[in-house]
Amino acid sequence: MVARSRLSGNLELTDVTGAFKASPREVVGTANLAGRELGEPTMAPAGDTGPSGYVPLADFGVEPVPVGDEDAINISGLAAPFEFAGEEFTTIGVTSNGYSVAGGANSASDIECCPPQDLPDPVPPNGVLAPFWTDLDGTGAPGISFAELSDGTSTWLVVEWQVNIVGTSDLRVFQHWLGENGQEDITFVYDPANLPAAPPAGFGLTVGAENSAGTAGQDLAPGNPDDPPPTEDLRVTSTGGAEGETLSYSFELKGVRPGTGEVRTTLRTPLVRGTTTDFDQITVTAT
């Protein structure tokens, strides 16, 4: 990676830190940086490590958002990001088919019904959190509810599905909880008095999670299009994962002539097509 900062003629460098002063008006920074490493999600019974268990969002006066068939809603503006598989996210795309997409459901390829994927799968959708992925439909059902809940110490974004098996009035109810607490804290939560039954034969079911590249993850029955329906809350835990390295440098400058000066910084790397450019204007006044 090579970054260059060039100053216009009425500006001049006085000090450079973390890079090379190529001329009185040019700074060059170079680095070989390790890329981001994604985590590997797995699932296990939540036991007593989960939140308080199933809590109907209706108890908090939360009204469901109506959804149809092959539909999705993006939830953003969270109080804090949630962590998943080595990344932070501030948006979650919730589909009518019983799974969410970390980072948002932003294209038609993020909304798939049947058969559901066996996770992990590099084919979109990726970054999947699937408490009950099958062919579901919000038509004639309450829909999808969401709210941020806190116990005074921790905060979670809670998403609740109340949707039907497509073509029926056979309701399925389940939740996932995403912790907004600076660490990965994800659970799939089910009502023990109303566990979601398996869909009809041939629909397929996936209960699982995968990272944003679809390169690592787990579901309840790898290689089987018909996962068993969940019988207890599940916690998603990711191993590995690390943010990529960064290049930074700083410099001080002075104005040598009045007027509007410009600092033009370019970044080139073989991993990104073209050149990334940033412009900053600095006003130099006479004293």
C-alpha atoms as a PDB file:
ATOM      1  CA  MET A   1       0.000   0.000   0.000  1.00  0.00           C
ATOM      2  CA  VAL A   2       1.279   3.459  -0.912  1.00  0.00           C
ATOM      3  CA  ALA A   3      -0.245   6.706   0.360  1.00  0.00           C
ATOM      4  CA  ARG A   4       0.878  10.151  -0.838  1.00  0.00           C
ATOM      5  CA  SER A   5      -0.079  13.556   0.524  1.00  0.00           C
ATOM      6  CA  ARG A   6       0.745  16.505  -1.746  1.00  0.00           C
ATOM      7  CA  LEU A   7       0.487  20.149  -0.700  1.00  0.00           C
ATOM      8  CA  SER A   8      -0.409  23.036  -2.978  1.00  0.00           C
ATOM      9  CA  GLY A   9       2.122  25.792  -3.653  1.00  0.00           C
ATOM     10  CA  ASN A  10       1.082  28.065  -0.802  1.00  0.00           C
ATOM     11  CA  LEU A  11       1.677  25.336   1.826  1.00  0.00           C
ATOM     12  CA  GLU A  12       4.938  23.814   3.065  1.00  0.00           C
ATOM     13  CA  LEU A  13       5.786  20.870   5.324  1.00  0.00           C
ATOM     14  CA  THR A  14       7.455  21.566   8.668  1.00  0.00           C
ATOM     15  CA  ASP A  15       7.365  18.104  10.286  1.00  0.00           C
ATOM     16  CA  VAL A  16       6.443  14.512   9.326  1.00  0.00           C
ATOM     17  CA  THR A  17       5.777  11.521  11.618  1.00  0.00           C
ATOM     18  CA  GLY A  18       5.347   7.935  10.472  1.00  0.00           C
ATOM     19  CA  ALA A  19       6.151   8.554   6.783  1.00  0.00           C
ATOM     20  CA  PHE A  20       8.855   9.864   4.428  1.00  0.00           C
ATOM     21  CA  LYS A  21       9.211  13.521   3.526  1.00  0.00           C
ATOM     22  CA  ALA A  22       9.768  13.204  -0.205  1.00  0.00           C
ATOM     23  CA  SER A  23       9.916  16.967  -0.829  1.00  0.00           C
ATOM     24  CA  PRO A  24       8.900  20.216   0.923  1.00  0.00           C
ATOM     25  CA  ARG A  25       5.350  19.532  -0.297  1.00  0.00           C
ATOM     26  CA  GLU A  26       5.027  15.716  -0.475  1.00  0.00           C
ATOM     27  CA  VAL A  27       4.713  12.950   2.124  1.00  0.00           C
ATOM     28  CA  VAL A  28       4.892   9.257   1.198  1.00  0.00           C
ATOM     29  CA  GLY A  29       3.745   6.407   3.458  1.00  0.00           C
ATOM     30  CA  THR A  30       4.146   2.718   2.576  1.00  0.00           C
ATOM     31  CA  ALA A  31       3.196  -0.476   4.393  1.00  0.00           C
ATOM     32  CA  ASN A  32       2.465  -4.174   3.914  1.00  0.00           C
ATOM     33  CA  LEU A  33      -0.679  -4.690   5.972  1.00  0.00           C
ATOM     34  CA  ALA A  34      -2.334  -7.857   7.196  1.00  0.00           C
ATOM     35  CA  GLY A  35      -5.935  -8.042   6.034  1.00  0.00           C
ATOM     36  CA  ARG A  36      -9.006  -8.552   8.146  1.00  0.00           C
ATOM     37  CA  GLU A  37      -9.538 -12.101   9.420  1.00  0.00           C
ATOM     38  CA  LEU A  38     -13.117 -13.261   9.803  1.00  0.00           C
ATOM     39  CA  GLY A  39     -14.203 -15.388  12.717  1.00  0.00           C
ATOM     40  CA  GLU A  40     -15.644 -18.897  12.590  1.00  0.00           C
ATOM     41  CA  PRO A  41     -19.134 -19.043  14.129  1.00  0.00           C
ATOM     42  CA  THR A  42     -20.329 -22.123  15.975  1.00  0.00           C
ATOM     43  CA  MET A  43     -23.450 -22.870  17.999  1.00  0.00           C
ATOM     44  CA  ALA A  44     -24.088 -24.542  21.319  1.00  0.00           C
ATOM     45  CA  PRO A  45     -26.945 -24.673  23.830  1.00  0.00           C
ATOM     46  CA  ALA A  46     -27.189 -21.297  25.542  1.00  0.00           C
ATOM     47  CA  GLY A  47     -27.922 -22.773  28.953  1.00  0.00           C
ATOM     48  CA  ASP A  48     -27.722 -20.075  31.607  1.00  0.00           C
ATOM     49  CA  THR A  49     -25.265 -17.993  29.523  1.00  0.00           C
ATOM     50  CA  GLY A  50     -28.043 -16.444  27.468  1.00  0.00           C
ATOM     51  CA  PRO A  51     -30.253 -13.452  28.250  1.00  0.00           C
ATOM     52  CA  SER A  52     -33.387 -13.892  30.314  1.00  0.00           C
ATOM     53  CA  GLY A  53     -34.980 -16.273  27.829  1.00  0.00           C
ATOM     54  CA  TYR A  54     -37.998 -15.713  25.636  1.00  0.00           C
ATOM     55  CA  VAL A  55     -39.760 -12.435  26.367  1.00  0.00           C
ATOM     56  CA  PRO A  56     -42.619 -11.428  24.024  1.00  0.00           C
ATOM     57  CA  LEU A  57     -41.896  -7.948  22.717  1.00  0.00           C
ATOM     58  CA  ALA A  58     -45.626  -7.293  22.931  1.00  0.00           C
ATOM     59  CA  ASP A  59     -45.126  -7.202  26.714  1.00  0.00           C
ATOM     60  CA  PHE A  60     -43.199  -3.958  26.144  1.00  0.00           C
ATOM     61  CA  GLY A  61     -45.855  -2.473  23.881  1.00  0.00           C
ATOM     62  CA  VAL A  62     -43.829  -3.145  20.710  1.00  0.00           C
ATOM     63  CA  GLU A  63     -46.006  -3.326  17.605  1.00  0.00           C
ATOM     64  CA  PRO A  64     -44.953  -5.746  14.824  1.00  0.00           C
ATOM     65  CA  VAL A  65     -43.960  -4.405  11.419  1.00  0.00           C
ATOM     66  CA  PRO A  66     -46.110  -6.110   8.753  1.00  0.00           C
ATOM     67  CA  VAL A  67     -44.121  -8.044   6.147  1.00  0.00           C
ATOM     68  CA  GLY A  68     -45.125 -10.129   3.146  1.00  0.00           C
ATOM     69  CA  ASP A  69     -43.599 -13.066   1.319  1.00  0.00           C
ATOM     70  CA  GLU A  70     -39.898 -12.817   0.336  1.00  0.00           C
ATOM     71  CA  ASP A  71     -39.693  -9.542   2.240  1.00  0.00           C
ATOM     72  CA  ALA A  72     -37.036  -7.878   4.392  1.00  0.00           C
ATOM     73  CA  ILE A  73     -36.589  -4.879   6.653  1.00  0.00           C
ATOM     74  CA  ASN A  74     -33.269  -3.227   7.534  1.00  0.00           C
ATOM     75  CA  ILE A  75     -32.780  -2.116  11.137  1.00  0.00           C
ATOM     76  CA  SER A  76     -30.170   0.592  11.676  1.00  0.00           C
ATOM     77  CA  GLY A  77     -29.494   3.462  14.053  1.00  0.00           C
ATOM     78  CA  LEU A  78     -28.549   1.125  16.910  1.00  0.00           C
ATOM     79  CA  ALA A  79     -27.387   2.584  20.199  1.00  0.00           C
ATOM     80  CA  ALA A  80     -24.095   0.735  19.666  1.00  0.00           C
ATOM     81  CA  PRO A  81     -22.738  -1.775  17.126  1.00  0.00           C
ATOM     82  CA  PHE A  82     -23.104  -5.520  17.613  1.00  0.00           C
ATOM     83  CA  GLU A  83     -20.164  -7.839  17.078  1.00  0.00           C
ATOM     84  CA  PHE A  84     -20.298 -10.974  14.967  1.00  0.00           C
ATOM     85  CA  ALA A  85     -17.499 -13.182  13.630  1.00  0.00           C
ATOM     86  CA  GLY A  86     -14.740 -10.614  14.060  1.00  0.00           C
ATOM     87  CA  GLU A  87     -16.650  -7.604  12.700  1.00  0.00           C
ATOM     88  CA  GLU A  88     -18.816  -4.794  14.016  1.00  0.00           C
ATOM     89  CA  PHE A  89     -22.208  -4.064  12.460  1.00  0.00           C
ATOM     90  CA  THR A  90     -24.662  -1.204  12.876  1.00  0.00           C
ATOM     91  CA  THR A  91     -27.332  -2.591  10.528  1.00  0.00           C
ATOM     92  CA  ILE A  92     -29.149  -5.917  10.394  1.00  0.00           C
ATOM     93  CA  GLY A  93     -31.386  -7.042   7.532  1.00  0.00           C
ATOM     94  CA  VAL A  94     -34.278  -9.174   8.807  1.00  0.00           C
ATOM     95  CA  THR A  95     -36.034 -11.362   6.244  1.00  0.00           C
ATOM     96  CA  SER A  96     -39.481 -12.877   6.380  1.00  0.00           C
ATOM     97  CA  ASN A  97     -37.901 -16.322   5.897  1.00  0.00           C
ATOM     98  CA  GLY A  98     -36.546 -16.593   9.424  1.00  0.00           C
ATOM     99  CA  TYR A  99     -32.975 -15.361   9.088  1.00  0.00           C
ATOM    100  CA  SER A 100     -31.077 -12.077   9.243  1.00  0.00           C
ATOM    101  CA  VAL A 101     -28.127 -10.676   7.282  1.00  0.00           C
ATOM    102  CA  ALA A 102     -25.448  -8.876   9.287  1.00  0.00           C
ATOM    103  CA  GLY A 103     -24.813  -5.534   7.598  1.00  0.00           C
ATOM    104  CA  GLY A 104     -28.230  -5.383   5.940  1.00  0.00           C
ATOM    105  CA  ALA A 105     -30.260  -7.148   3.256  1.00  0.00           C
ATOM    106  CA  ASN A 106     -29.268  -4.945   0.330  1.00  0.00           C
ATOM    107  CA  SER A 107     -30.124  -6.917  -2.798  1.00  0.00           C
ATOM    108  CA  ALA A 108     -32.467  -9.580  -4.101  1.00  0.00           C
ATOM    109  CA  SER A 109     -29.751 -12.190  -3.525  1.00  0.00           C
ATOM    110  CA  ASP A 110     -29.983 -11.533   0.228  1.00  0.00           C
ATOM    111  CA  ILE A 111     -33.582 -12.825   0.282  1.00  0.00           C
ATOM    112  CA  GLU A 112     -33.775 -16.570  -0.354  1.00  0.00           C
ATOM    113  CA  CYS A 113     -36.430 -19.016   0.691  1.00  0.00           C
ATOM    114  CA  CYS A 114     -36.057 -22.536  -0.489  1.00  0.00           C
ATOM    115  CA  PRO A 115     -34.285 -24.691  -0.128  1.00  0.00           C
ATOM    116  CA  PRO A 116     -32.407 -22.846   2.608  1.00  0.00           C
ATOM    117  CA  GLN A 117     -28.627 -23.030   2.403  1.00  0.00           C
ATOM    118  CA  ASP A 118     -26.522 -25.468   4.340  1.00  0.00           C
ATOM    119  CA  LEU A 119     -24.208 -23.141   6.280  1.00  0.00           C
ATOM    120  CA  PRO A 120     -21.553 -22.027   5.620  1.00  0.00           C
ATOM    121  CA  ASP A 121     -22.067 -21.212   1.940  1.00  0.00           C
ATOM    122  CA  PRO A 122     -20.124 -18.528   0.003  1.00  0.00           C
ATOM    123  CA  VAL A 123     -23.159 -17.939  -2.239  1.00  0.00           C
ATOM    124  CA  PRO A 124     -25.260 -14.975  -1.019  1.00  0.00           C
ATOM    125  CA  PRO A 125     -26.845 -14.340   1.361  1.00  0.00           C
ATOM    126  CA  ASN A 126     -23.781 -14.205   3.631  1.00  0.00           C
ATOM    127  CA  GLY A 127     -23.364 -13.061   7.205  1.00  0.00           C
ATOM    128  CA  VAL A 128     -26.447 -15.132   7.998  1.00  0.00           C
ATOM    129  CA  LEU A 129     -27.961 -15.526  11.448  1.00  0.00           C
ATOM    130  CA  ALA A 130     -30.718 -18.103  11.048  1.00  0.00           C
ATOM    131  CA  PRO A 131     -32.803 -19.060  14.077  1.00  0.00           C
ATOM    132  CA  PHE A 132     -35.399 -20.732  11.787  1.00  0.00           C
ATOM    133  CA  TRP A 133     -34.739 -20.416   8.032  1.00  0.00           C
ATOM    134  CA  THR A 134     -37.442 -21.946   5.876  1.00  0.00           C
ATOM    135  CA  ASP A 135     -40.172 -20.730   3.516  1.00  0.00           C
ATOM    136  CA  LEU A 136     -42.102 -18.329   5.725  1.00  0.00           C
ATOM    137  CA  ASP A 137     -44.558 -15.552   4.926  1.00  0.00           C
ATOM    138  CA  GLY A 138     -45.750 -12.574   6.952  1.00  0.00           C
ATOM    139  CA  THR A 139     -49.036 -12.327   5.056  1.00  0.00           C
ATOM    140  CA  GLY A 140     -51.910 -12.711   7.494  1.00  0.00           C
ATOM    141  CA  ALA A 141     -49.501 -12.906  10.462  1.00  0.00           C
ATOM    142  CA  PRO A 142     -48.360 -10.236  12.947  1.00  0.00           C
ATOM    143  CA  GLY A 143     -44.959  -9.818  11.229  1.00  0.00           C
ATOM    144  CA  ILE A 144     -41.551  -8.830  12.658  1.00  0.00           C
ATOM    145  CA  SER A 145     -41.032  -6.906  15.903  1.00  0.00           C
ATOM    146  CA  PHE A 146     -37.794  -5.379  17.158  1.00  0.00           C
ATOM    147  CA  ALA A 147     -36.663  -3.324  20.117  1.00  0.00           C
ATOM    148  CA  GLU A 148     -33.582  -2.525  22.157  1.00  0.00           C
ATOM    149  CA  LEU A 149     -33.886  -3.969  25.673  1.00  0.00           C
ATOM    150  CA  SER A 150     -31.596  -3.383  28.643  1.00  0.00           C
ATOM    151  CA  ASP A 151     -31.170  -4.945  32.067  1.00  0.00           C
ATOM    152  CA  GLY A 152     -29.397  -1.844  33.312  1.00  0.00           C
ATOM    153  CA  THR A 153     -25.952  -3.259  32.481  1.00  0.00           C
ATOM    154  CA  SER A 154     -26.214  -4.756  29.010  1.00  0.00           C
ATOM    155  CA  THR A 155     -28.291  -3.820  25.970  1.00  0.00           C
ATOM    156  CA  TRP A 156     -29.598  -6.102  23.245  1.00  0.00           C
ATOM    157  CA  LEU A 157     -31.365  -5.607  19.947  1.00  0.00           C
ATOM    158  CA  VAL A 158     -34.165  -8.168  20.099  1.00  0.00           C
ATOM    159  CA  VAL A 159     -35.833  -9.279  16.867  1.00  0.00           C
ATOM    160  CA  GLU A 160     -38.986 -11.402  17.020  1.00  0.00           C
ATOM    161  CA  TRP A 161     -40.583 -13.228  14.109  1.00  0.00           C
ATOM    162  CA  GLN A 162     -44.302 -14.065  14.145  1.00  0.00           C
ATOM    163  CA  VAL A 163     -44.784 -15.404  10.626  1.00  0.00           C
ATOM    164  CA  ASN A 164     -46.559 -18.289   8.908  1.00  0.00           C
ATOM    165  CA  ILE A 165     -45.393 -21.246   6.919  1.00  0.00           C
ATOM    166  CA  VAL A 166     -46.014 -20.002   3.380  1.00  0.00           C
ATOM    167  CA  GLY A 167     -49.512 -20.766   2.076  1.00  0.00           C
ATOM    168  CA  THR A 168     -50.859 -21.563   5.543  1.00  0.00           C
ATOM    169  CA  SER A 169     -51.883 -19.923   8.806  1.00  0.00           C
ATOM    170  CA  ASP A 170     -49.413 -22.144  10.692  1.00  0.00           C
ATOM    171  CA  LEU A 171     -47.543 -19.626  12.863  1.00  0.00           C
ATOM    172  CA  ARG A 172     -43.859 -19.831  13.873  1.00  0.00           C
ATOM    173  CA  VAL A 173     -42.523 -17.631  16.684  1.00  0.00           C
ATOM    174  CA  PHE A 174     -38.833 -17.153  17.576  1.00  0.00           C
ATOM    175  CA  GLN A 175     -36.256 -14.447  18.335  1.00  0.00           C
ATOM    176  CA  HIS A 176     -32.614 -13.549  18.144  1.00  0.00           C
ATOM    177  CA  TRP A 177     -30.838 -11.305  20.631  1.00  0.00           C
ATOM    178  CA  LEU A 178     -27.826  -9.233  19.514  1.00  0.00           C
ATOM    179  CA  GLY A 179     -25.733  -7.723  22.289  1.00  0.00           C
ATOM    180  CA  GLU A 180     -24.620  -4.108  21.851  1.00  0.00           C
ATOM    181  CA  ASN A 181     -21.995  -4.482  24.544  1.00  0.00           C
ATOM    182  CA  GLY A 182     -18.564  -4.401  22.868  1.00  0.00           C
ATOM    183  CA  GLN A 183     -18.299  -8.179  22.553  1.00  0.00           C
ATOM    184  CA  GLU A 184     -20.025 -10.920  20.606  1.00  0.00           C
ATOM    185  CA  ASP A 185     -23.269 -11.756  22.392  1.00  0.00           C
ATOM    186  CA  ILE A 186     -25.752 -13.510  20.086  1.00  0.00           C
ATOM    187  CA  THR A 187     -28.472 -15.987  21.016  1.00  0.00           C
ATOM    188  CA  PHE A 188     -31.340 -17.643  19.200  1.00  0.00           C
ATOM    189  CA  VAL A 189     -34.263 -17.640  21.622  1.00  0.00           C
ATOM    190  CA  TYR A 190     -37.446 -19.735  21.522  1.00  0.00           C
ATOM    191  CA  ASP A 191     -40.624 -19.866  23.594  1.00  0.00           C
ATOM    192  CA  PRO A 192     -40.345 -23.149  25.536  1.00  0.00           C
ATOM    193  CA  ALA A 193     -44.129 -23.339  25.641  1.00  0.00           C
ATOM    194  CA  ASN A 194     -44.417 -22.860  21.881  1.00  0.00           C
ATOM    195  CA  LEU A 195     -41.283 -24.246  20.195  1.00  0.00           C
ATOM    196  CA  PRO A 196     -41.341 -23.805  16.391  1.00  0.00           C
ATOM    197  CA  ALA A 197     -42.288 -27.123  14.831  1.00  0.00           C
ATOM    198  CA  ALA A 198     -40.531 -28.473  11.752  1.00  0.00           C
ATOM    199  CA  PRO A 199     -41.900 -27.189   8.439  1.00  0.00           C
ATOM    200  CA  PRO A 200     -43.664 -29.591   6.076  1.00  0.00           C
ATOM    201  CA  ALA A 201     -41.572 -32.181   4.277  1.00  0.00           C
ATOM    202  CA  GLY A 202     -39.685 -30.749   1.327  1.00  0.00           C
ATOM    203  CA  PHE A 203     -39.505 -27.186   2.655  1.00  0.00           C
ATOM    204  CA  GLY A 204     -36.091 -27.595   4.235  1.00  0.00           C
ATOM    205  CA  LEU A 205     -34.917 -25.960   7.458  1.00  0.00           C
ATOM    206  CA  THR A 206     -31.625 -24.365   8.463  1.00  0.00           C
ATOM    207  CA  VAL A 207     -30.738 -23.251  11.960  1.00  0.00           C
ATOM    208  CA  GLY A 208     -27.246 -21.789  11.923  1.00  0.00           C
ATOM    209  CA  ALA A 209     -24.823 -18.925  11.387  1.00  0.00           C
ATOM    210  CA  GLU A 210     -21.995 -18.002   9.013  1.00  0.00           C
ATOM    211  CA  ASN A 211     -19.501 -15.136   8.680  1.00  0.00           C
ATOM    212  CA  SER A 212     -19.863 -12.294   6.181  1.00  0.00           C
ATOM    213  CA  ALA A 213     -17.910 -14.133   3.475  1.00  0.00           C
ATOM    214  CA  GLY A 214     -19.782 -17.398   3.930  1.00  0.00           C
ATOM    215  CA  THR A 215     -16.462 -19.181   4.468  1.00  0.00           C
ATOM    216  CA  ALA A 216     -17.051 -20.487   7.984  1.00  0.00           C
ATOM    217  CA  GLY A 217     -20.054 -21.279  10.103  1.00  0.00           C
ATOM    218  CA  GLN A 218     -22.263 -24.052  11.412  1.00  0.00           C
ATOM    219  CA  ASP A 219     -25.798 -25.332  11.297  1.00  0.00           C
ATOM    220  CA  LEU A 220     -27.600 -27.972  13.324  1.00  0.00           C
ATOM    221  CA  ALA A 221     -27.308 -30.686  10.678  1.00  0.00           C
ATOM    222  CA  PRO A 222     -24.404 -30.109   8.232  1.00  0.00           C
ATOM    223  CA  GLY A 223     -25.112 -31.588   4.816  1.00  0.00           C
ATOM    224  CA  ASN A 224     -28.772 -32.189   5.609  1.00  0.00           C
ATOM    225  CA  PRO A 225     -31.380 -29.867   4.042  1.00  0.00           C
ATOM    226  CA  ASP A 226     -33.748 -30.673   6.897  1.00  0.00           C
ATOM    227  CA  ASP A 227     -32.204 -29.522  10.168  1.00  0.00           C
ATOM    228  CA  PRO A 228     -34.091 -30.674  13.253  1.00  0.00           C
ATOM    229  CA  PRO A 229     -36.207 -27.916  14.767  1.00  0.00           C
ATOM    230  CA  PRO A 230     -34.608 -26.259  17.779  1.00  0.00           C
ATOM    231  CA  THR A 231     -35.518 -27.559  21.215  1.00  0.00           C
ATOM    232  CA  GLU A 232     -33.665 -24.966  23.328  1.00  0.00           C
ATOM    233  CA  ASP A 233     -32.012 -21.554  23.103  1.00  0.00           C
ATOM    234  CA  LEU A 234     -28.725 -21.496  21.180  1.00  0.00           C
ATOM    235  CA  ARG A 235     -25.673 -19.270  21.612  1.00  0.00           C
ATOM    236  CA  VAL A 236     -23.545 -18.254  18.619  1.00  0.00           C
ATOM    237  CA  THR A 237     -19.835 -18.028  19.461  1.00  0.00           C
ATOM    238  CA  SER A 238     -17.071 -17.158  17.002  1.00  0.00           C
ATOM    239  CA  THR A 239     -13.428 -18.143  17.291  1.00  0.00           C
ATOM    240  CA  GLY A 240     -10.591 -16.247  15.641  1.00  0.00           C
ATOM    241  CA  GLY A 241     -11.222 -13.062  13.737  1.00  0.00           C
ATOM    242  CA  ALA A 242      -9.194  -9.877  13.784  1.00  0.00           C
ATOM    243  CA  GLU A 243      -9.392  -6.404  12.325  1.00  0.00           C
ATOM    244  CA  GLY A 244      -6.985  -5.620   9.500  1.00  0.00           C
ATOM    245  CA  GLU A 245      -3.868  -3.547  10.125  1.00  0.00           C
ATOM    246  CA  THR A 246      -3.811   0.147   9.341  1.00  0.00           C
ATOM    247  CA  LEU A 247      -1.391   2.719   7.964  1.00  0.00           C
ATOM    248  CA  SER A 248      -1.317   6.150   9.567  1.00  0.00           C
ATOM    249  CA  TYR A 249       0.993   9.129   9.506  1.00  0.00           C
ATOM    250  CA  SER A 250       0.817  12.764  10.432  1.00  0.00           C
ATOM    251  CA  PHE A 251       2.481  15.992   9.391  1.00  0.00           C
ATOM    252  CA  GLU A 252       2.576  19.659  10.264  1.00  0.00           C
ATOM    253  CA  LEU A 253       2.565  22.422   7.692  1.00  0.00           C
ATOM    254  CA  LYS A 254       2.682  26.172   7.408  1.00  0.00           C
ATOM    255  CA  GLY A 255       1.192  28.660   5.009  1.00  0.00           C
ATOM    256  CA  VAL A 256       3.709  30.535   2.857  1.00  0.00           C
ATOM    257  CA  ARG A 257       1.237  32.654   0.848  1.00  0.00           C
ATOM    258  CA  PRO A 258      -2.308  33.823   1.542  1.00  0.00           C
ATOM    259  CA  GLY A 259      -5.113  31.993  -0.226  1.00  0.00           C
ATOM    260  CA  THR A 260      -6.865  28.626  -0.210  1.00  0.00           C
ATOM    261  CA  GLY A 261      -4.422  25.762   0.036  1.00  0.00           C
ATOM    262  CA  GLU A 262      -5.104  22.102  -0.669  1.00  0.00           C
ATOM    263  CA  VAL A 263      -3.813  18.801   0.692  1.00  0.00           C
ATOM    264  CA  ARG A 264      -4.434  15.978  -1.777  1.00  0.00           C
ATOM    265  CA  THR A 265      -3.938  12.451  -0.420  1.00  0.00           C
ATOM    266  CA  THR A 266      -4.039   9.395  -2.685  1.00  0.00           C
ATOM    267  CA  LEU A 267      -4.025   5.730  -1.788  1.00  0.00           C
ATOM    268  CA  ARG A 268      -3.110   2.866  -4.087  1.00  0.00           C
ATOM    269  CA  THR A 269      -3.118  -0.841  -3.355  1.00  0.00           C
ATOM    270  CA  PRO A 270      -3.222  -3.872  -5.680  1.00  0.00           C
ATOM    271  CA  LEU A 271      -6.280  -5.095  -3.755  1.00  0.00           C
ATOM    272  CA  VAL A 272      -8.469  -2.146  -4.806  1.00  0.00           C
ATOM    273  CA  ARG A 273      -9.022  -0.955  -8.357  1.00  0.00           C
ATOM    274  CA  GLY A 274      -8.105   2.621  -9.179  1.00  0.00           C
ATOM    275  CA  THR A 275      -6.927   5.299  -6.774  1.00  0.00           C
ATOM    276  CA  THR A 276      -8.661   6.464  -3.611  1.00  0.00           C
ATOM    277  CA  THR A 277      -8.339  10.243  -3.224  1.00  0.00           C
ATOM    278  CA  ASP A 278      -9.101  12.669  -0.398  1.00  0.00           C
ATOM    279  CA  PHE A 279      -8.999  16.491  -0.618  1.00  0.00           C
ATOM    280  CA  ASP A 280      -8.675  18.908   2.304  1.00  0.00           C
ATOM    281  CA  GLN A 281      -8.750  22.689   1.953  1.00  0.00           C
ATOM    282  CA  ILE A 282      -6.816  25.029   4.222  1.00  0.00           C
ATOM    283  CA  THR A 283      -7.255  28.788   4.245  1.00  0.00           C
ATOM    284  CA  VAL A 284      -4.067  30.811   4.654  1.00  0.00           C
ATOM    285  CA  THR A 285      -4.585  34.399   5.793  1.00  0.00           C
ATOM    286  CA  ALA A 286      -2.129  37.261   5.875  1.00  0.00           C
ATOM    287  CA  THR A 287      -0.924  38.369   9.306  1.00  0.00           C
END
